[in-house]
Amino acid sequence: MNIFNHGYDDDQGDYQVILKDHLGYRYEVHEFLGQGSFGQAIKCFDHKTKEHVAIKIIRNKKKFQYQAGIELKILKYLNYHDKYDQNNIIRVKDYCVFRKHLLISFECLSINLYEFIKNNNF
């Protein structure tokens, strides 16, 4: 039996999410939202800000970590230059590395991008 990242990851580098567990000693896992090529999305309660957030957990693989770092840099730039939220860009709340995974905290929205596109006939 192979153990990946001290048992925190599966063989694909995805973090093994457990409901009610805590990430980064701050985010309490409430609900699984989805999975993509970069990792997973989960709904969490942020004990620091006392609000629900969406957390993107990036796979523990160098190529995904690198690409996610670029995504984070671009989103931070766009958020900074859209202070009054006029351009409908998802808001990055915070980010950290926890157990070798980049965690990006976002505002919690009602639907994901795929559902929005599907609802509008692609």
PDB file of N, CA and C in Angstrom:
ATOM      1  N   MET A   1       0.851  -1.192   0.000  1.00  0.00           N
ATOM      2  CA  MET A   1       0.000   0.000   0.000  1.00  0.00           C
ATOM      3  C   MET A   1       0.885   1.240   0.000  1.00  0.00           C
ATOM      4  N   ASN A   2       0.617   2.148  -0.933  1.00  0.00           N
ATOM      5  CA  ASN A   2       1.359   3.403  -0.998  1.00  0.00           C
ATOM      6  C   ASN A   2       0.667   4.464  -0.156  1.00  0.00           C
ATOM      7  N   ILE A   3       1.459   5.241   0.563  1.00  0.00           N
ATOM      8  CA  ILE A   3       0.930   6.353   1.339  1.00  0.00           C
ATOM      9  C   ILE A   3       1.459   7.626   0.695  1.00  0.00           C
ATOM     10  N   PHE A   4       0.546   8.520   0.317  1.00  0.00           N
ATOM     11  CA  PHE A   4       0.906   9.752  -0.369  1.00  0.00           C
ATOM     12  C   PHE A   4       0.752  10.938   0.567  1.00  0.00           C
ATOM     13  N   ASN A   5       1.812  11.758   0.654  1.00  0.00           N
ATOM     14  CA  ASN A   5       1.808  12.957   1.500  1.00  0.00           C
ATOM     15  C   ASN A   5       1.361  12.625   2.919  1.00  0.00           C
ATOM     16  N   HIS A   6       1.985  11.623   3.494  1.00  0.00           N
ATOM     17  CA  HIS A   6       1.707  11.182   4.876  1.00  0.00           C
ATOM     18  C   HIS A   6       0.250  10.759   5.070  1.00  0.00           C
ATOM     19  N   GLY A   7      -0.409  10.312   3.995  1.00  0.00           N
ATOM     20  CA  GLY A   7      -1.790   9.855   4.088  1.00  0.00           C
ATOM     21  C   GLY A   7      -2.832  10.930   3.830  1.00  0.00           C
ATOM     22  N   TYR A   8      -2.393  12.153   3.562  1.00  0.00           N
ATOM     23  CA  TYR A   8      -3.344  13.239   3.312  1.00  0.00           C
ATOM     24  C   TYR A   8      -3.845  13.268   1.873  1.00  0.00           C
ATOM     25  N   ASP A   9      -3.116  12.659   0.941  1.00  0.00           N
ATOM     26  CA  ASP A   9      -3.456  12.710  -0.481  1.00  0.00           C
ATOM     27  C   ASP A   9      -3.802  11.328  -1.025  1.00  0.00           C
ATOM     28  N   ASP A  10      -4.523  11.343  -2.149  1.00  0.00           N
ATOM     29  CA  ASP A  10      -4.700  10.105  -2.901  1.00  0.00           C
ATOM     30  C   ASP A  10      -3.564   9.987  -3.916  1.00  0.00           C
ATOM     31  N   ASP A  11      -3.599   8.968  -4.745  1.00  0.00           N
ATOM     32  CA  ASP A  11      -2.502   8.737  -5.695  1.00  0.00           C
ATOM     33  C   ASP A  11      -2.439   9.770  -6.827  1.00  0.00           C
ATOM     34  N   GLN A  12      -3.477  10.588  -6.986  1.00  0.00           N
ATOM     35  CA  GLN A  12      -3.486  11.637  -8.012  1.00  0.00           C
ATOM     36  C   GLN A  12      -3.016  12.991  -7.474  1.00  0.00           C
ATOM     37  N   GLY A  13      -2.743  13.055  -6.176  1.00  0.00           N
ATOM     38  CA  GLY A  13      -2.309  14.308  -5.568  1.00  0.00           C
ATOM     39  C   GLY A  13      -3.440  15.151  -5.026  1.00  0.00           C
ATOM     40  N   ASP A  14      -4.670  14.603  -5.041  1.00  0.00           N
ATOM     41  CA  ASP A  14      -5.800  15.329  -4.467  1.00  0.00           C
ATOM     42  C   ASP A  14      -5.820  15.142  -2.959  1.00  0.00           C
ATOM     43  N   TYR A  15      -6.160  16.205  -2.243  1.00  0.00           N
ATOM     44  CA  TYR A  15      -6.299  16.147  -0.793  1.00  0.00           C
ATOM     45  C   TYR A  15      -7.534  15.306  -0.456  1.00  0.00           C
ATOM     46  N   GLN A  16      -7.416  14.453   0.533  1.00  0.00           N
ATOM     47  CA  GLN A  16      -8.554  13.624   0.935  1.00  0.00           C
ATOM     48  C   GLN A  16      -9.406  14.419   1.930  1.00  0.00           C
ATOM     49  N   VAL A  17     -10.473  14.993   1.404  1.00  0.00           N
ATOM     50  CA  VAL A  17     -11.346  15.885   2.169  1.00  0.00           C
ATOM     51  C   VAL A  17     -12.259  15.066   3.078  1.00  0.00           C
ATOM     52  N   ILE A  18     -12.370  15.520   4.315  1.00  0.00           N
ATOM     53  CA  ILE A  18     -13.252  14.881   5.291  1.00  0.00           C
ATOM     54  C   ILE A  18     -14.198  15.949   5.834  1.00  0.00           C
ATOM     55  N   LEU A  19     -15.514  15.695   5.756  1.00  0.00           N
ATOM     56  CA  LEU A  19     -16.499  16.646   6.275  1.00  0.00           C
ATOM     57  C   LEU A  19     -16.249  16.925   7.747  1.00  0.00           C
ATOM     58  N   LYS A  20     -16.415  18.170   8.137  1.00  0.00           N
ATOM     59  CA  LYS A  20     -16.231  18.693   9.494  1.00  0.00           C
ATOM     60  C   LYS A  20     -14.763  18.812   9.907  1.00  0.00           C
ATOM     61  N   ASP A  21     -13.843  18.376   9.029  1.00  0.00           N
ATOM     62  CA  ASP A  21     -12.416  18.548   9.298  1.00  0.00           C
ATOM     63  C   ASP A  21     -12.068  20.025   9.115  1.00  0.00           C
ATOM     64  N   HIS A  22     -10.881  20.411   9.565  1.00  0.00           N
ATOM     65  CA  HIS A  22     -10.433  21.793   9.415  1.00  0.00           C
ATOM     66  C   HIS A  22      -9.230  21.858   8.479  1.00  0.00           C
ATOM     67  N   LEU A  23      -9.200  22.883   7.652  1.00  0.00           N
ATOM     68  CA  LEU A  23      -8.086  23.127   6.742  1.00  0.00           C
ATOM     69  C   LEU A  23      -7.390  24.414   7.173  1.00  0.00           C
ATOM     70  N   GLY A  24      -6.093  24.381   7.191  1.00  0.00           N
ATOM     71  CA  GLY A  24      -5.341  25.579   7.547  1.00  0.00           C
ATOM     72  C   GLY A  24      -5.655  26.083   8.942  1.00  0.00           C
ATOM     73  N   TYR A  25      -6.175  25.212   9.790  1.00  0.00           N
ATOM     74  CA  TYR A  25      -6.522  25.570  11.176  1.00  0.00           C
ATOM     75  C   TYR A  25      -7.491  26.742  11.223  1.00  0.00           C
ATOM     76  N   ARG A  26      -8.300  26.865  10.154  1.00  0.00           N
ATOM     77  CA  ARG A  26      -9.195  28.010  10.029  1.00  0.00           C
ATOM     78  C   ARG A  26     -10.529  27.673   9.370  1.00  0.00           C
ATOM     79  N   TYR A  27     -10.501  26.821   8.339  1.00  0.00           N
ATOM     80  CA  TYR A  27     -11.682  26.550   7.531  1.00  0.00           C
ATOM     81  C   TYR A  27     -12.287  25.201   7.892  1.00  0.00           C
ATOM     82  N   GLU A  28     -13.550  25.199   8.291  1.00  0.00           N
ATOM     83  CA  GLU A  28     -14.261  23.963   8.616  1.00  0.00           C
ATOM     84  C   GLU A  28     -15.014  23.478   7.382  1.00  0.00           C
ATOM     85  N   VAL A  29     -14.736  22.259   6.954  1.00  0.00           N
ATOM     86  CA  VAL A  29     -15.323  21.695   5.740  1.00  0.00           C
ATOM     87  C   VAL A  29     -16.800  21.387   5.964  1.00  0.00           C
ATOM     88  N   HIS A  30     -17.659  21.966   5.121  1.00  0.00           N
ATOM     89  CA  HIS A  30     -19.103  21.751   5.234  1.00  0.00           C
ATOM     90  C   HIS A  30     -19.688  20.944   4.087  1.00  0.00           C
ATOM     91  N   GLU A  31     -19.165  21.145   2.872  1.00  0.00           N
ATOM     92  CA  GLU A  31     -19.807  20.510   1.718  1.00  0.00           C
ATOM     93  C   GLU A  31     -18.818  20.406   0.557  1.00  0.00           C
ATOM     94  N   PHE A  32     -18.894  19.290  -0.157  1.00  0.00           N
ATOM     95  CA  PHE A  32     -18.095  19.117  -1.364  1.00  0.00           C
ATOM     96  C   PHE A  32     -18.837  19.785  -2.511  1.00  0.00           C
ATOM     97  N   LEU A  33     -18.168  20.670  -3.254  1.00  0.00           N
ATOM     98  CA  LEU A  33     -18.816  21.393  -4.345  1.00  0.00           C
ATOM     99  C   LEU A  33     -18.504  20.820  -5.721  1.00  0.00           C
ATOM    100  N   GLY A  34     -17.294  20.312  -5.908  1.00  0.00           N
ATOM    101  CA  GLY A  34     -16.956  19.775  -7.214  1.00  0.00           C
ATOM    102  C   GLY A  34     -15.477  19.480  -7.338  1.00  0.00           C
ATOM    103  N   GLN A  35     -15.147  18.917  -8.496  1.00  0.00           N
ATOM    104  CA  GLN A  35     -13.765  18.546  -8.761  1.00  0.00           C
ATOM    105  C   GLN A  35     -13.437  18.870 -10.210  1.00  0.00           C
ATOM    106  N   GLY A  36     -12.197  19.305 -10.430  1.00  0.00           N
ATOM    107  CA  GLY A  36     -11.736  19.612 -11.774  1.00  0.00           C
ATOM    108  C   GLY A  36     -10.321  19.115 -11.956  1.00  0.00           C
ATOM    109  N   SER A  37      -9.707  19.509 -13.049  1.00  0.00           N
ATOM    110  CA  SER A  37      -8.359  19.020 -13.328  1.00  0.00           C
ATOM    111  C   SER A  37      -7.322  19.586 -12.355  1.00  0.00           C
ATOM    112  N   PHE A  38      -7.576  20.771 -11.792  1.00  0.00           N
ATOM    113  CA  PHE A  38      -6.619  21.384 -10.872  1.00  0.00           C
ATOM    114  C   PHE A  38      -6.774  20.915  -9.448  1.00  0.00           C
ATOM    115  N   GLY A  39      -7.955  20.413  -9.100  1.00  0.00           N
ATOM    116  CA  GLY A  39      -8.188  20.003  -7.716  1.00  0.00           C
ATOM    117  C   GLY A  39      -9.666  19.959  -7.402  1.00  0.00           C
ATOM    118  N   GLN A  40      -9.982  20.370  -6.177  1.00  0.00           N
ATOM    119  CA  GLN A  40     -11.342  20.248  -5.669  1.00  0.00           C
ATOM    120  C   GLN A  40     -11.851  21.592  -5.170  1.00  0.00           C
ATOM    121  N   ALA A  41     -13.172  21.726  -5.130  1.00  0.00           N
ATOM    122  CA  ALA A  41     -13.811  22.908  -4.556  1.00  0.00           C
ATOM    123  C   ALA A  41     -14.720  22.444  -3.436  1.00  0.00           C
ATOM    124  N   ILE A  42     -14.608  23.108  -2.309  1.00  0.00           N
ATOM    125  CA  ILE A  42     -15.431  22.754  -1.159  1.00  0.00           C
ATOM    126  C   ILE A  42     -15.979  24.019  -0.503  1.00  0.00           C
ATOM    127  N   LYS A  43     -17.126  23.873   0.132  1.00  0.00           N
ATOM    128  CA  LYS A  43     -17.710  24.974   0.891  1.00  0.00           C
ATOM    129  C   LYS A  43     -17.258  24.816   2.330  1.00  0.00           C
ATOM    130  N   CYS A  44     -16.747  25.899   2.888  1.00  0.00           N
ATOM    131  CA  CYS A  44     -16.226  25.867   4.254  1.00  0.00           C
ATOM    132  C   CYS A  44     -16.762  27.044   5.055  1.00  0.00           C
ATOM    133  N   PHE A  45     -16.694  26.896   6.373  1.00  0.00           N
ATOM    134  CA  PHE A  45     -16.959  28.019   7.261  1.00  0.00           C
ATOM    135  C   PHE A  45     -15.625  28.559   7.725  1.00  0.00           C
ATOM    136  N   ASP A  46     -15.400  29.849   7.488  1.00  0.00           N
ATOM    137  CA  ASP A  46     -14.160  30.509   7.883  1.00  0.00           C
ATOM    138  C   ASP A  46     -14.325  31.005   9.316  1.00  0.00           C
ATOM    139  N   HIS A  47     -13.626  30.386  10.249  1.00  0.00           N
ATOM    140  CA  HIS A  47     -13.757  30.750  11.656  1.00  0.00           C
ATOM    141  C   HIS A  47     -13.126  32.101  11.970  1.00  0.00           C
ATOM    142  N   LYS A  48     -12.271  32.601  11.102  1.00  0.00           N
ATOM    143  CA  LYS A  48     -11.665  33.919  11.317  1.00  0.00           C
ATOM    144  C   LYS A  48     -12.634  35.040  10.958  1.00  0.00           C
ATOM    145  N   THR A  49     -13.297  34.921   9.794  1.00  0.00           N
ATOM    146  CA  THR A  49     -14.203  35.977   9.328  1.00  0.00           C
ATOM    147  C   THR A  49     -15.672  35.687   9.639  1.00  0.00           C
ATOM    148  N   LYS A  50     -15.955  34.472  10.118  1.00  0.00           N
ATOM    149  CA  LYS A  50     -17.326  34.055  10.476  1.00  0.00           C
ATOM    150  C   LYS A  50     -18.274  34.071   9.280  1.00  0.00           C
ATOM    151  N   GLU A  51     -17.775  33.594   8.121  1.00  0.00           N
ATOM    152  CA  GLU A  51     -18.613  33.529   6.930  1.00  0.00           C
ATOM    153  C   GLU A  51     -18.297  32.260   6.141  1.00  0.00           C
ATOM    154  N   HIS A  52     -19.226  31.878   5.268  1.00  0.00           N
ATOM    155  CA  HIS A  52     -18.983  30.741   4.392  1.00  0.00           C
ATOM    156  C   HIS A  52     -18.163  31.203   3.194  1.00  0.00           C
ATOM    157  N   VAL A  53     -17.245  30.345   2.787  1.00  0.00           N
ATOM    158  CA  VAL A  53     -16.389  30.624   1.638  1.00  0.00           C
ATOM    159  C   VAL A  53     -16.279  29.368   0.794  1.00  0.00           C
ATOM    160  N   ALA A  54     -15.866  29.545  -0.442  1.00  0.00           N
ATOM    161  CA  ALA A  54     -15.542  28.418  -1.314  1.00  0.00           C
ATOM    162  C   ALA A  54     -14.020  28.297  -1.311  1.00  0.00           C
ATOM    163  N   ILE A  55     -13.524  27.094  -1.078  1.00  0.00           N
ATOM    164  CA  ILE A  55     -12.087  26.850  -1.051  1.00  0.00           C
ATOM    165  C   ILE A  55     -11.730  25.976  -2.247  1.00  0.00           C
ATOM    166  N   LYS A  56     -10.745  26.416  -2.985  1.00  0.00           N
ATOM    167  CA  LYS A  56     -10.186  25.611  -4.067  1.00  0.00           C
ATOM    168  C   LYS A  56      -8.919  24.972  -3.515  1.00  0.00           C
ATOM    169  N   ILE A  57      -8.895  23.644  -3.479  1.00  0.00           N
ATOM    170  CA  ILE A  57      -7.729  22.905  -2.991  1.00  0.00           C
ATOM    171  C   ILE A  57      -6.977  22.391  -4.211  1.00  0.00           C
ATOM    172  N   ILE A  58      -5.806  22.936  -4.443  1.00  0.00           N
ATOM    173  CA  ILE A  58      -5.024  22.591  -5.623  1.00  0.00           C
ATOM    174  C   ILE A  58      -4.288  21.269  -5.390  1.00  0.00           C
ATOM    175  N   ARG A  59      -4.264  20.449  -6.414  1.00  0.00           N
ATOM    176  CA  ARG A  59      -3.554  19.168  -6.336  1.00  0.00           C
ATOM    177  C   ARG A  59      -2.101  19.354  -5.925  1.00  0.00           C
ATOM    178  N   ASN A  60      -1.584  18.385  -5.234  1.00  0.00           N
ATOM    179  CA  ASN A  60      -0.208  18.399  -4.762  1.00  0.00           C
ATOM    180  C   ASN A  60       0.717  17.863  -5.856  1.00  0.00           C
ATOM    181  N   LYS A  61       0.756  18.570  -6.971  1.00  0.00           N
ATOM    182  CA  LYS A  61       1.637  18.262  -8.103  1.00  0.00           C
ATOM    183  C   LYS A  61       2.204  19.587  -8.600  1.00  0.00           C
ATOM    184  N   LYS A  62       3.496  19.597  -8.924  1.00  0.00           N
ATOM    185  CA  LYS A  62       4.177  20.852  -9.278  1.00  0.00           C
ATOM    186  C   LYS A  62       3.500  21.610 -10.409  1.00  0.00           C
ATOM    187  N   LYS A  63       3.086  20.912 -11.473  1.00  0.00           N
ATOM    188  CA  LYS A  63       2.503  21.627 -12.619  1.00  0.00           C
ATOM    189  C   LYS A  63       1.197  22.317 -12.249  1.00  0.00           C
ATOM    190  N   PHE A  64       0.400  21.696 -11.385  1.00  0.00           N
ATOM    191  CA  PHE A  64      -0.863  22.305 -10.968  1.00  0.00           C
ATOM    192  C   PHE A  64      -0.618  23.453  -9.995  1.00  0.00           C
ATOM    193  N   GLN A  65       0.341  23.271  -9.092  1.00  0.00           N
ATOM    194  CA  GLN A  65       0.686  24.324  -8.140  1.00  0.00           C
ATOM    195  C   GLN A  65       1.178  25.569  -8.877  1.00  0.00           C
ATOM    196  N   TYR A  66       2.006  25.359  -9.895  1.00  0.00           N
ATOM    197  CA  TYR A  66       2.548  26.473 -10.679  1.00  0.00           C
ATOM    198  C   TYR A  66       1.422  27.232 -11.388  1.00  0.00           C
ATOM    199  N   GLN A  67       0.555  26.493 -12.094  1.00  0.00           N
ATOM    200  CA  GLN A  67      -0.551  27.124 -12.818  1.00  0.00           C
ATOM    201  C   GLN A  67      -1.500  27.838 -11.866  1.00  0.00           C
ATOM    202  N   ALA A  68      -1.768  27.233 -10.710  1.00  0.00           N
ATOM    203  CA  ALA A  68      -2.655  27.860  -9.731  1.00  0.00           C
ATOM    204  C   ALA A  68      -2.025  29.134  -9.180  1.00  0.00           C
ATOM    205  N   GLY A  69      -0.709  29.150  -9.041  1.00  0.00           N
ATOM    206  CA  GLY A  69      -0.019  30.357  -8.606  1.00  0.00           C
ATOM    207  C   GLY A  69      -0.201  31.493  -9.595  1.00  0.00           C
ATOM    208  N   ILE A  70      -0.157  31.174 -10.875  1.00  0.00           N
ATOM    209  CA  ILE A  70      -0.401  32.182 -11.916  1.00  0.00           C
ATOM    210  C   ILE A  70      -1.851  32.666 -11.846  1.00  0.00           C
ATOM    211  N   GLU A  71      -2.792  31.718 -11.706  1.00  0.00           N
ATOM    212  CA  GLU A  71      -4.213  32.083 -11.586  1.00  0.00           C
ATOM    213  C   GLU A  71      -4.420  33.021 -10.399  1.00  0.00           C
ATOM    214  N   LEU A  72      -3.819  32.691  -9.272  1.00  0.00           N
ATOM    215  CA  LEU A  72      -3.955  33.511  -8.068  1.00  0.00           C
ATOM    216  C   LEU A  72      -3.395  34.913  -8.299  1.00  0.00           C
ATOM    217  N   LYS A  73      -2.250  34.989  -8.918  1.00  0.00           N
ATOM    218  CA  LYS A  73      -1.618  36.282  -9.196  1.00  0.00           C
ATOM    219  C   LYS A  73      -2.516  37.140 -10.102  1.00  0.00           C
ATOM    220  N   ILE A  74      -3.089  36.537 -11.133  1.00  0.00           N
ATOM    221  CA  ILE A  74      -3.976  37.261 -12.048  1.00  0.00           C
ATOM    222  C   ILE A  74      -5.240  37.723 -11.324  1.00  0.00           C
ATOM    223  N   LEU A  75      -5.851  36.831 -10.531  1.00  0.00           N
ATOM    224  CA  LEU A  75      -7.076  37.190  -9.812  1.00  0.00           C
ATOM    225  C   LEU A  75      -6.821  38.299  -8.798  1.00  0.00           C
ATOM    226  N   LYS A  76      -5.705  38.230  -8.102  1.00  0.00           N
ATOM    227  CA  LYS A  76      -5.371  39.296  -7.152  1.00  0.00           C
ATOM    228  C   LYS A  76      -5.211  40.634  -7.881  1.00  0.00           C
ATOM    229  N   TYR A  77      -4.557  40.611  -9.043  1.00  0.00           N
ATOM    230  CA  TYR A  77      -4.383  41.821  -9.849  1.00  0.00           C
ATOM    231  C   TYR A  77      -5.743  42.370 -10.279  1.00  0.00           C
ATOM    232  N   LEU A  78      -6.609  41.491 -10.803  1.00  0.00           N
ATOM    233  CA  LEU A  78      -7.930  41.920 -11.260  1.00  0.00           C
ATOM    234  C   LEU A  78      -8.777  42.438 -10.101  1.00  0.00           C
ATOM    235  N   ASN A  79      -8.734  41.752  -8.961  1.00  0.00           N
ATOM    236  CA  ASN A  79      -9.487  42.196  -7.782  1.00  0.00           C
ATOM    237  C   ASN A  79      -9.009  43.578  -7.330  1.00  0.00           C
ATOM    238  N   TYR A  80      -7.689  43.758  -7.311  1.00  0.00           N
ATOM    239  CA  TYR A  80      -7.121  45.030  -6.872  1.00  0.00           C
ATOM    240  C   TYR A  80      -7.554  46.178  -7.790  1.00  0.00           C
ATOM    241  N   HIS A  81      -7.622  45.928  -9.083  1.00  0.00           N
ATOM    242  CA  HIS A  81      -7.981  46.967 -10.046  1.00  0.00           C
ATOM    243  C   HIS A  81      -9.489  47.075 -10.291  1.00  0.00           C
ATOM    244  N   ASP A  82     -10.272  46.319  -9.538  1.00  0.00           N
ATOM    245  CA  ASP A  82     -11.736  46.396  -9.604  1.00  0.00           C
ATOM    246  C   ASP A  82     -12.269  46.517  -8.168  1.00  0.00           C
ATOM    247  N   LYS A  83     -11.797  47.528  -7.472  1.00  0.00           N
ATOM    248  CA  LYS A  83     -12.109  47.708  -6.044  1.00  0.00           C
ATOM    249  C   LYS A  83     -13.607  47.790  -5.758  1.00  0.00           C
ATOM    250  N   TYR A  84     -14.365  48.313  -6.705  1.00  0.00           N
ATOM    251  CA  TYR A  84     -15.797  48.513  -6.480  1.00  0.00           C
ATOM    252  C   TYR A  84     -16.646  47.403  -7.079  1.00  0.00           C
ATOM    253  N   ASP A  85     -15.989  46.311  -7.481  1.00  0.00           N
ATOM    254  CA  ASP A  85     -16.679  45.114  -7.974  1.00  0.00           C
ATOM    255  C   ASP A  85     -17.626  45.424  -9.128  1.00  0.00           C
ATOM    256  N   GLN A  86     -17.148  46.188 -10.099  1.00  0.00           N
ATOM    257  CA  GLN A  86     -17.968  46.577 -11.242  1.00  0.00           C
ATOM    258  C   GLN A  86     -17.883  45.578 -12.396  1.00  0.00           C
ATOM    259  N   ASN A  87     -16.879  44.700 -12.394  1.00  0.00           N
ATOM    260  CA  ASN A  87     -16.657  43.811 -13.534  1.00  0.00           C
ATOM    261  C   ASN A  87     -17.008  42.348 -13.266  1.00  0.00           C
ATOM    262  N   ASN A  88     -17.655  42.070 -12.156  1.00  0.00           N
ATOM    263  CA  ASN A  88     -18.128  40.719 -11.831  1.00  0.00           C
ATOM    264  C   ASN A  88     -17.022  39.665 -11.865  1.00  0.00           C
ATOM    265  N   ILE A  89     -15.907  39.974 -11.251  1.00  0.00           N
ATOM    266  CA  ILE A  89     -14.789  39.036 -11.137  1.00  0.00           C
ATOM    267  C   ILE A  89     -14.860  38.415  -9.756  1.00  0.00           C
ATOM    268  N   ILE A  90     -14.714  37.094  -9.689  1.00  0.00           N
ATOM    269  CA  ILE A  90     -14.755  36.407  -8.397  1.00  0.00           C
ATOM    270  C   ILE A  90     -13.742  37.037  -7.449  1.00  0.00           C
ATOM    271  N   ARG A  91     -14.138  37.213  -6.204  1.00  0.00           N
ATOM    272  CA  ARG A  91     -13.277  37.851  -5.208  1.00  0.00           C
ATOM    273  C   ARG A  91     -12.468  36.800  -4.452  1.00  0.00           C
ATOM    274  N   VAL A  92     -11.153  36.962  -4.472  1.00  0.00           N
ATOM    275  CA  VAL A  92     -10.262  36.113  -3.677  1.00  0.00           C
ATOM    276  C   VAL A  92     -10.242  36.699  -2.281  1.00  0.00           C
ATOM    277  N   LYS A  93     -10.550  35.872  -1.285  1.00  0.00           N
ATOM    278  CA  LYS A  93     -10.553  36.322   0.106  1.00  0.00           C
ATOM    279  C   LYS A  93      -9.172  36.167   0.737  1.00  0.00           C
ATOM    280  N   ASP A  94      -8.565  34.988   0.550  1.00  0.00           N
ATOM    281  CA  ASP A  94      -7.280  34.693   1.172  1.00  0.00           C
ATOM    282  C   ASP A  94      -6.687  33.460   0.503  1.00  0.00           C
ATOM    283  N   TYR A  95      -5.482  33.107   0.881  1.00  0.00           N
ATOM    284  CA  TYR A  95      -4.845  31.899   0.372  1.00  0.00           C
ATOM    285  C   TYR A  95      -3.757  31.475   1.348  1.00  0.00           C
ATOM    286  N   CYS A  96      -3.425  30.194   1.318  1.00  0.00           N
ATOM    287  CA  CYS A  96      -2.351  29.670   2.155  1.00  0.00           C
ATOM    288  C   CYS A  96      -1.934  28.310   1.606  1.00  0.00           C
ATOM    289  N   VAL A  97      -0.847  27.790   2.122  1.00  0.00           N
ATOM    290  CA  VAL A  97      -0.423  26.431   1.816  1.00  0.00           C
ATOM    291  C   VAL A  97      -0.646  25.605   3.063  1.00  0.00           C
ATOM    292  N   PHE A  98      -1.341  24.473   2.904  1.00  0.00           N
ATOM    293  CA  PHE A  98      -1.647  23.587   4.025  1.00  0.00           C
ATOM    294  C   PHE A  98      -1.423  22.149   3.579  1.00  0.00           C
ATOM    295  N   ARG A  99      -0.563  21.461   4.292  1.00  0.00           N
ATOM    296  CA  ARG A  99      -0.225  20.071   3.976  1.00  0.00           C
ATOM    297  C   ARG A  99       0.165  19.899   2.508  1.00  0.00           C
ATOM    298  N   LYS A 100       0.979  20.826   2.022  1.00  0.00           N
ATOM    299  CA  LYS A 100       1.528  20.842   0.656  1.00  0.00           C
ATOM    300  C   LYS A 100       0.499  21.156  -0.424  1.00  0.00           C
ATOM    301  N   HIS A 101      -0.637  21.699  -0.047  1.00  0.00           N
ATOM    302  CA  HIS A 101      -1.682  22.079  -1.000  1.00  0.00           C
ATOM    303  C   HIS A 101      -1.920  23.575  -0.914  1.00  0.00           C
ATOM    304  N   LEU A 102      -1.991  24.220  -2.086  1.00  0.00           N
ATOM    305  CA  LEU A 102      -2.389  25.616  -2.128  1.00  0.00           C
ATOM    306  C   LEU A 102      -3.897  25.660  -1.926  1.00  0.00           C
ATOM    307  N   LEU A 103      -4.341  26.441  -0.946  1.00  0.00           N
ATOM    308  CA  LEU A 103      -5.761  26.660  -0.692  1.00  0.00           C
ATOM    309  C   LEU A 103      -6.075  28.098  -1.069  1.00  0.00           C
ATOM    310  N   ILE A 104      -7.069  28.284  -1.912  1.00  0.00           N
ATOM    311  CA  ILE A 104      -7.497  29.630  -2.290  1.00  0.00           C
ATOM    312  C   ILE A 104      -8.940  29.797  -1.826  1.00  0.00           C
ATOM    313  N   SER A 105      -9.156  30.818  -1.022  1.00  0.00           N
ATOM    314  CA  SER A 105     -10.478  31.113  -0.473  1.00  0.00           C
ATOM    315  C   SER A 105     -11.161  32.168  -1.340  1.00  0.00           C
ATOM    316  N   PHE A 106     -12.391  31.861  -1.757  1.00  0.00           N
ATOM    317  CA  PHE A 106     -13.179  32.764  -2.598  1.00  0.00           C
ATOM    318  C   PHE A 106     -14.498  33.101  -1.918  1.00  0.00           C
ATOM    319  N   GLU A 107     -15.117  34.190  -2.380  1.00  0.00           N
ATOM    320  CA  GLU A 107     -16.491  34.449  -1.971  1.00  0.00           C
ATOM    321  C   GLU A 107     -17.336  33.255  -2.414  1.00  0.00           C
ATOM    322  N   CYS A 108     -18.350  32.942  -1.660  1.00  0.00           N
ATOM    323  CA  CYS A 108     -19.209  31.801  -1.980  1.00  0.00           C
ATOM    324  C   CYS A 108     -20.350  32.297  -2.876  1.00  0.00           C
ATOM    325  N   LEU A 109     -20.438  31.746  -4.091  1.00  0.00           N
ATOM    326  CA  LEU A 109     -21.475  32.136  -5.046  1.00  0.00           C
ATOM    327  C   LEU A 109     -22.556  31.057  -5.118  1.00  0.00           C
ATOM    328  N   SER A 110     -23.683  31.397  -5.736  1.00  0.00           N
ATOM    329  CA  SER A 110     -24.818  30.471  -5.765  1.00  0.00           C
ATOM    330  C   SER A 110     -24.610  29.289  -6.713  1.00  0.00           C
ATOM    331  N   ILE A 111     -23.890  29.502  -7.838  1.00  0.00           N
ATOM    332  CA  ILE A 111     -23.611  28.416  -8.780  1.00  0.00           C
ATOM    333  C   ILE A 111     -22.175  28.543  -9.283  1.00  0.00           C
ATOM    334  N   ASN A 112     -21.676  27.449  -9.848  1.00  0.00           N
ATOM    335  CA  ASN A 112     -20.320  27.496 -10.405  1.00  0.00           C
ATOM    336  C   ASN A 112     -20.369  27.928 -11.875  1.00  0.00           C
ATOM    337  N   LEU A 113     -19.197  28.161 -12.436  1.00  0.00           N
ATOM    338  CA  LEU A 113     -19.109  28.652 -13.813  1.00  0.00           C
ATOM    339  C   LEU A 113     -19.736  27.677 -14.805  1.00  0.00           C
ATOM    340  N   TYR A 114     -19.492  26.372 -14.628  1.00  0.00           N
ATOM    341  CA  TYR A 114     -20.056  25.385 -15.546  1.00  0.00           C
ATOM    342  C   TYR A 114     -21.586  25.438 -15.526  1.00  0.00           C
ATOM    343  N   GLU A 115     -22.178  25.504 -14.344  1.00  0.00           N
ATOM    344  CA  GLU A 115     -23.648  25.559 -14.239  1.00  0.00           C
ATOM    345  C   GLU A 115     -24.193  26.827 -14.891  1.00  0.00           C
ATOM    346  N   PHE A 116     -23.497  27.945 -14.704  1.00  0.00           N
ATOM    347  CA  PHE A 116     -23.911  29.202 -15.322  1.00  0.00           C
ATOM    348  C   PHE A 116     -23.904  29.097 -16.843  1.00  0.00           C
ATOM    349  N   ILE A 117     -22.823  28.546 -17.393  1.00  0.00           N
ATOM    350  CA  ILE A 117     -22.714  28.387 -18.849  1.00  0.00           C
ATOM    351  C   ILE A 117     -23.782  27.432 -19.363  1.00  0.00           C
ATOM    352  N   LYS A 118     -24.007  26.327 -18.659  1.00  0.00           N
ATOM    353  CA  LYS A 118     -25.020  25.355 -19.043  1.00  0.00           C
ATOM    354  C   LYS A 118     -26.418  25.988 -19.024  1.00  0.00           C
ATOM    355  N   ASN A 119     -26.712  26.781 -17.986  1.00  0.00           N
ATOM    356  CA  ASN A 119     -28.016  27.434 -17.878  1.00  0.00           C
ATOM    357  C   ASN A 119     -28.252  28.451 -18.983  1.00  0.00           C
ATOM    358  N   ASN A 120     -27.176  28.915 -19.592  1.00  0.00           N
ATOM    359  CA  ASN A 120     -27.283  29.894 -20.673  1.00  0.00           C
ATOM    360  C   ASN A 120     -26.962  29.280 -22.037  1.00  0.00           C
ATOM    361  N   ASN A 121     -27.241  27.981 -22.161  1.00  0.00           N
ATOM    362  CA  ASN A 121     -27.111  27.223 -23.412  1.00  0.00           C
ATOM    363  C   ASN A 121     -25.701  27.279 -24.029  1.00  0.00           C
ATOM    364  N   PHE A 122     -24.708  27.260 -23.177  1.00  0.00           N
ATOM    365  CA  PHE A 122     -23.312  27.236 -23.587  1.00  0.00           C
ATOM    366  C   PHE A 122     -22.980  28.376 -24.521  1.00  0.00           C
TER     367      PHE A 122
END
